[in-house]
């Protein structure tokens, strides 16, 4: 059974930085496209960033220039580096990835990690 486990969330002051990790465990042959989403209280889950297996990235307009997405394929781990954090970035952050298992590609979500930015 594959699990995506996020870590690195916490409380930070506005202007600060955090780096989130998302590690895939279990029977993982490889990771395809991987994304970060977030969900603030009372709001729908929204796209934050995406990275392809080849390393191509794209970001939501609200985080462009402040957030960086990266991946370490030998470690089956995805990262989201967040700089110049704003109170509006407060949310639960989720990773999502296509995981290759025994020749089949399946999509998985992590359980989420809370990021709180104080003003």
C-alpha atoms as a PDB file:
ATOM      1  CA  UNK A   1       0.000   0.000   0.000  1.00  0.00           C
ATOM      2  CA  UNK A   2       1.350   3.412  -0.989  1.00  0.00           C
ATOM      3  CA  UNK A   3       1.188   6.388   1.331  1.00  0.00           C
ATOM      4  CA  UNK A   4       2.096  10.025   0.765  1.00  0.00           C
ATOM      5  CA  UNK A   5       3.159  11.647   4.015  1.00  0.00           C
ATOM      6  CA  UNK A   6       3.576  15.413   4.251  1.00  0.00           C
ATOM      7  CA  UNK A   7       5.700  17.133   6.857  1.00  0.00           C
ATOM      8  CA  UNK A   8       7.240  20.523   7.542  1.00  0.00           C
ATOM      9  CA  UNK A   9       4.155  22.558   8.294  1.00  0.00           C
ATOM     10  CA  UNK A  10       3.897  24.850  11.285  1.00  0.00           C
ATOM     11  CA  UNK A  11       3.420  28.383  12.527  1.00  0.00           C
ATOM     12  CA  UNK A  12       5.494  31.157  10.984  1.00  0.00           C
ATOM     13  CA  UNK A  13       5.371  34.945  10.968  1.00  0.00           C
ATOM     14  CA  UNK A  14       4.531  36.861   7.823  1.00  0.00           C
ATOM     15  CA  UNK A  15       7.601  37.208   5.658  1.00  0.00           C
ATOM     16  CA  UNK A  16       9.029  33.938   6.897  1.00  0.00           C
ATOM     17  CA  UNK A  17       9.719  30.660   5.141  1.00  0.00           C
ATOM     18  CA  UNK A  18       8.803  27.004   5.410  1.00  0.00           C
ATOM     19  CA  UNK A  19       9.766  23.940   3.409  1.00  0.00           C
ATOM     20  CA  UNK A  20       7.216  21.158   3.081  1.00  0.00           C
ATOM     21  CA  UNK A  21       8.108  17.586   2.219  1.00  0.00           C
ATOM     22  CA  UNK A  22       5.964  14.791   0.830  1.00  0.00           C
ATOM     23  CA  UNK A  23       7.452  11.326   0.980  1.00  0.00           C
ATOM     24  CA  UNK A  24       5.999   8.340  -0.827  1.00  0.00           C
ATOM     25  CA  UNK A  25       6.316   5.054   1.020  1.00  0.00           C
ATOM     26  CA  UNK A  26       5.343   1.501   0.196  1.00  0.00           C
ATOM     27  CA  UNK A  27       5.558  -0.269  -3.108  1.00  0.00           C
ATOM     28  CA  UNK A  28       6.686   2.660  -5.257  1.00  0.00           C
ATOM     29  CA  UNK A  29       8.365   2.132  -8.608  1.00  0.00           C
ATOM     30  CA  UNK A  30       8.394   5.835  -9.389  1.00  0.00           C
ATOM     31  CA  UNK A  31       6.511   9.111  -9.226  1.00  0.00           C
ATOM     32  CA  UNK A  32       5.010  10.819 -12.245  1.00  0.00           C
ATOM     33  CA  UNK A  33       3.392  14.232 -12.167  1.00  0.00           C
ATOM     34  CA  UNK A  34       3.246  15.621  -8.638  1.00  0.00           C
ATOM     35  CA  UNK A  35       1.330  18.597  -7.284  1.00  0.00           C
ATOM     36  CA  UNK A  36       0.687  20.627  -4.171  1.00  0.00           C
ATOM     37  CA  UNK A  37      -2.772  21.899  -3.283  1.00  0.00           C
ATOM     38  CA  UNK A  38      -4.031  23.843  -0.296  1.00  0.00           C
ATOM     39  CA  UNK A  39      -7.326  24.374   1.445  1.00  0.00           C
ATOM     40  CA  UNK A  40      -8.057  27.311   3.702  1.00  0.00           C
ATOM     41  CA  UNK A  41     -10.948  27.239   6.199  1.00  0.00           C
ATOM     42  CA  UNK A  42     -14.259  27.723   4.445  1.00  0.00           C
ATOM     43  CA  UNK A  43     -12.701  27.599   0.989  1.00  0.00           C
ATOM     44  CA  UNK A  44     -12.338  25.008  -1.729  1.00  0.00           C
ATOM     45  CA  UNK A  45      -9.088  23.148  -2.238  1.00  0.00           C
ATOM     46  CA  UNK A  46      -6.954  25.036  -4.737  1.00  0.00           C
ATOM     47  CA  UNK A  47      -3.969  24.286  -6.926  1.00  0.00           C
ATOM     48  CA  UNK A  48      -0.604  25.618  -5.742  1.00  0.00           C
ATOM     49  CA  UNK A  49       2.156  24.068  -7.838  1.00  0.00           C
ATOM     50  CA  UNK A  50       2.945  21.233 -10.221  1.00  0.00           C
ATOM     51  CA  UNK A  51       6.089  19.453 -11.350  1.00  0.00           C
ATOM     52  CA  UNK A  52       6.438  16.887 -14.104  1.00  0.00           C
ATOM     53  CA  UNK A  53       8.794  13.941 -14.032  1.00  0.00           C
ATOM     54  CA  UNK A  54      11.057  15.919 -16.311  1.00  0.00           C
ATOM     55  CA  UNK A  55      11.144  18.832 -13.887  1.00  0.00           C
ATOM     56  CA  UNK A  56       8.848  21.270 -15.656  1.00  0.00           C
ATOM     57  CA  UNK A  57       6.981  23.417 -13.155  1.00  0.00           C
ATOM     58  CA  UNK A  58       4.035  25.758 -12.990  1.00  0.00           C
ATOM     59  CA  UNK A  59       2.464  27.712 -10.151  1.00  0.00           C
ATOM     60  CA  UNK A  60      -0.715  29.435  -9.133  1.00  0.00           C
ATOM     61  CA  UNK A  61      -0.533  33.171  -9.740  1.00  0.00           C
ATOM     62  CA  UNK A  62      -0.886  33.810  -6.006  1.00  0.00           C
ATOM     63  CA  UNK A  63       2.394  32.015  -5.207  1.00  0.00           C
ATOM     64  CA  UNK A  64       4.429  32.608  -8.374  1.00  0.00           C
ATOM     65  CA  UNK A  65       7.861  33.955  -7.483  1.00  0.00           C
ATOM     66  CA  UNK A  66       7.522  33.054  -3.795  1.00  0.00           C
ATOM     67  CA  UNK A  67       7.147  29.256  -3.864  1.00  0.00           C
ATOM     68  CA  UNK A  68       9.405  26.634  -5.430  1.00  0.00           C
ATOM     69  CA  UNK A  69       8.467  23.031  -6.144  1.00  0.00           C
ATOM     70  CA  UNK A  70      11.114  20.344  -6.512  1.00  0.00           C
ATOM     71  CA  UNK A  71      11.507  16.580  -6.371  1.00  0.00           C
ATOM     72  CA  UNK A  72      14.094  13.995  -5.358  1.00  0.00           C
ATOM     73  CA  UNK A  73      13.182  10.894  -7.326  1.00  0.00           C
ATOM     74  CA  UNK A  74      15.710   8.500  -5.703  1.00  0.00           C
ATOM     75  CA  UNK A  75      14.083   9.398  -2.383  1.00  0.00           C
ATOM     76  CA  UNK A  76      10.530   9.405  -3.806  1.00  0.00           C
ATOM     77  CA  UNK A  77      10.054  12.793  -2.188  1.00  0.00           C
ATOM     78  CA  UNK A  78       8.407  16.025  -3.291  1.00  0.00           C
ATOM     79  CA  UNK A  79       9.142  19.449  -1.803  1.00  0.00           C
ATOM     80  CA  UNK A  80       7.481  22.837  -1.609  1.00  0.00           C
ATOM     81  CA  UNK A  81       9.687  25.699  -0.493  1.00  0.00           C
ATOM     82  CA  UNK A  82       7.623  28.694   0.560  1.00  0.00           C
ATOM     83  CA  UNK A  83       9.174  32.133   1.008  1.00  0.00           C
ATOM     84  CA  UNK A  84       7.762  35.559   1.810  1.00  0.00           C
ATOM     85  CA  UNK A  85       4.788  33.907   3.415  1.00  0.00           C
ATOM     86  CA  UNK A  86       1.610  35.921   3.867  1.00  0.00           C
ATOM     87  CA  UNK A  87      -1.354  35.359   6.203  1.00  0.00           C
ATOM     88  CA  UNK A  88      -3.356  34.478   3.082  1.00  0.00           C
ATOM     89  CA  UNK A  89      -1.121  31.417   2.654  1.00  0.00           C
ATOM     90  CA  UNK A  90      -2.596  29.897   5.818  1.00  0.00           C
ATOM     91  CA  UNK A  91      -4.130  26.556   4.854  1.00  0.00           C
ATOM     92  CA  UNK A  92      -3.765  22.810   5.004  1.00  0.00           C
ATOM     93  CA  UNK A  93      -1.322  21.821   2.278  1.00  0.00           C
ATOM     94  CA  UNK A  94      -1.759  18.526   0.439  1.00  0.00           C
ATOM     95  CA  UNK A  95       0.491  16.702  -1.980  1.00  0.00           C
ATOM     96  CA  UNK A  96      -0.924  14.693  -4.849  1.00  0.00           C
ATOM     97  CA  UNK A  97       1.003  12.405  -7.152  1.00  0.00           C
ATOM     98  CA  UNK A  98       0.741   9.735  -9.795  1.00  0.00           C
ATOM     99  CA  UNK A  99       2.548   6.718  -8.389  1.00  0.00           C
ATOM    100  CA  UNK A 100       3.809   3.856 -10.520  1.00  0.00           C
ATOM    101  CA  UNK A 101       3.253   0.428  -8.954  1.00  0.00           C
ATOM    102  CA  UNK A 102       3.962  -2.806 -10.799  1.00  0.00           C
ATOM    103  CA  UNK A 103       3.501  -1.127 -14.139  1.00  0.00           C
ATOM    104  CA  UNK A 104       0.277   0.672 -13.202  1.00  0.00           C
ATOM    105  CA  UNK A 105      -0.164   4.359 -12.501  1.00  0.00           C
ATOM    106  CA  UNK A 106      -2.433   5.369  -9.626  1.00  0.00           C
ATOM    107  CA  UNK A 107      -3.167   8.751  -8.096  1.00  0.00           C
ATOM    108  CA  UNK A 108      -2.685   9.363  -4.381  1.00  0.00           C
ATOM    109  CA  UNK A 109      -3.269  12.183  -1.902  1.00  0.00           C
ATOM    110  CA  UNK A 110      -1.397  12.885   1.289  1.00  0.00           C
ATOM    111  CA  UNK A 111      -3.151  13.571   4.588  1.00  0.00           C
ATOM    112  CA  UNK A 112      -2.192  17.240   4.663  1.00  0.00           C
ATOM    113  CA  UNK A 113       0.000  19.455   6.806  1.00  0.00           C
ATOM    114  CA  UNK A 114      -1.116  22.690   8.447  1.00  0.00           C
ATOM    115  CA  UNK A 115       0.626  25.952   7.591  1.00  0.00           C
ATOM    116  CA  UNK A 116      -0.306  28.983   9.662  1.00  0.00           C
ATOM    117  CA  UNK A 117       1.114  32.426   8.890  1.00  0.00           C
ATOM    118  CA  UNK A 118       0.634  35.084  11.550  1.00  0.00           C
ATOM    119  CA  UNK A 119       0.517  38.793  10.743  1.00  0.00           C
END
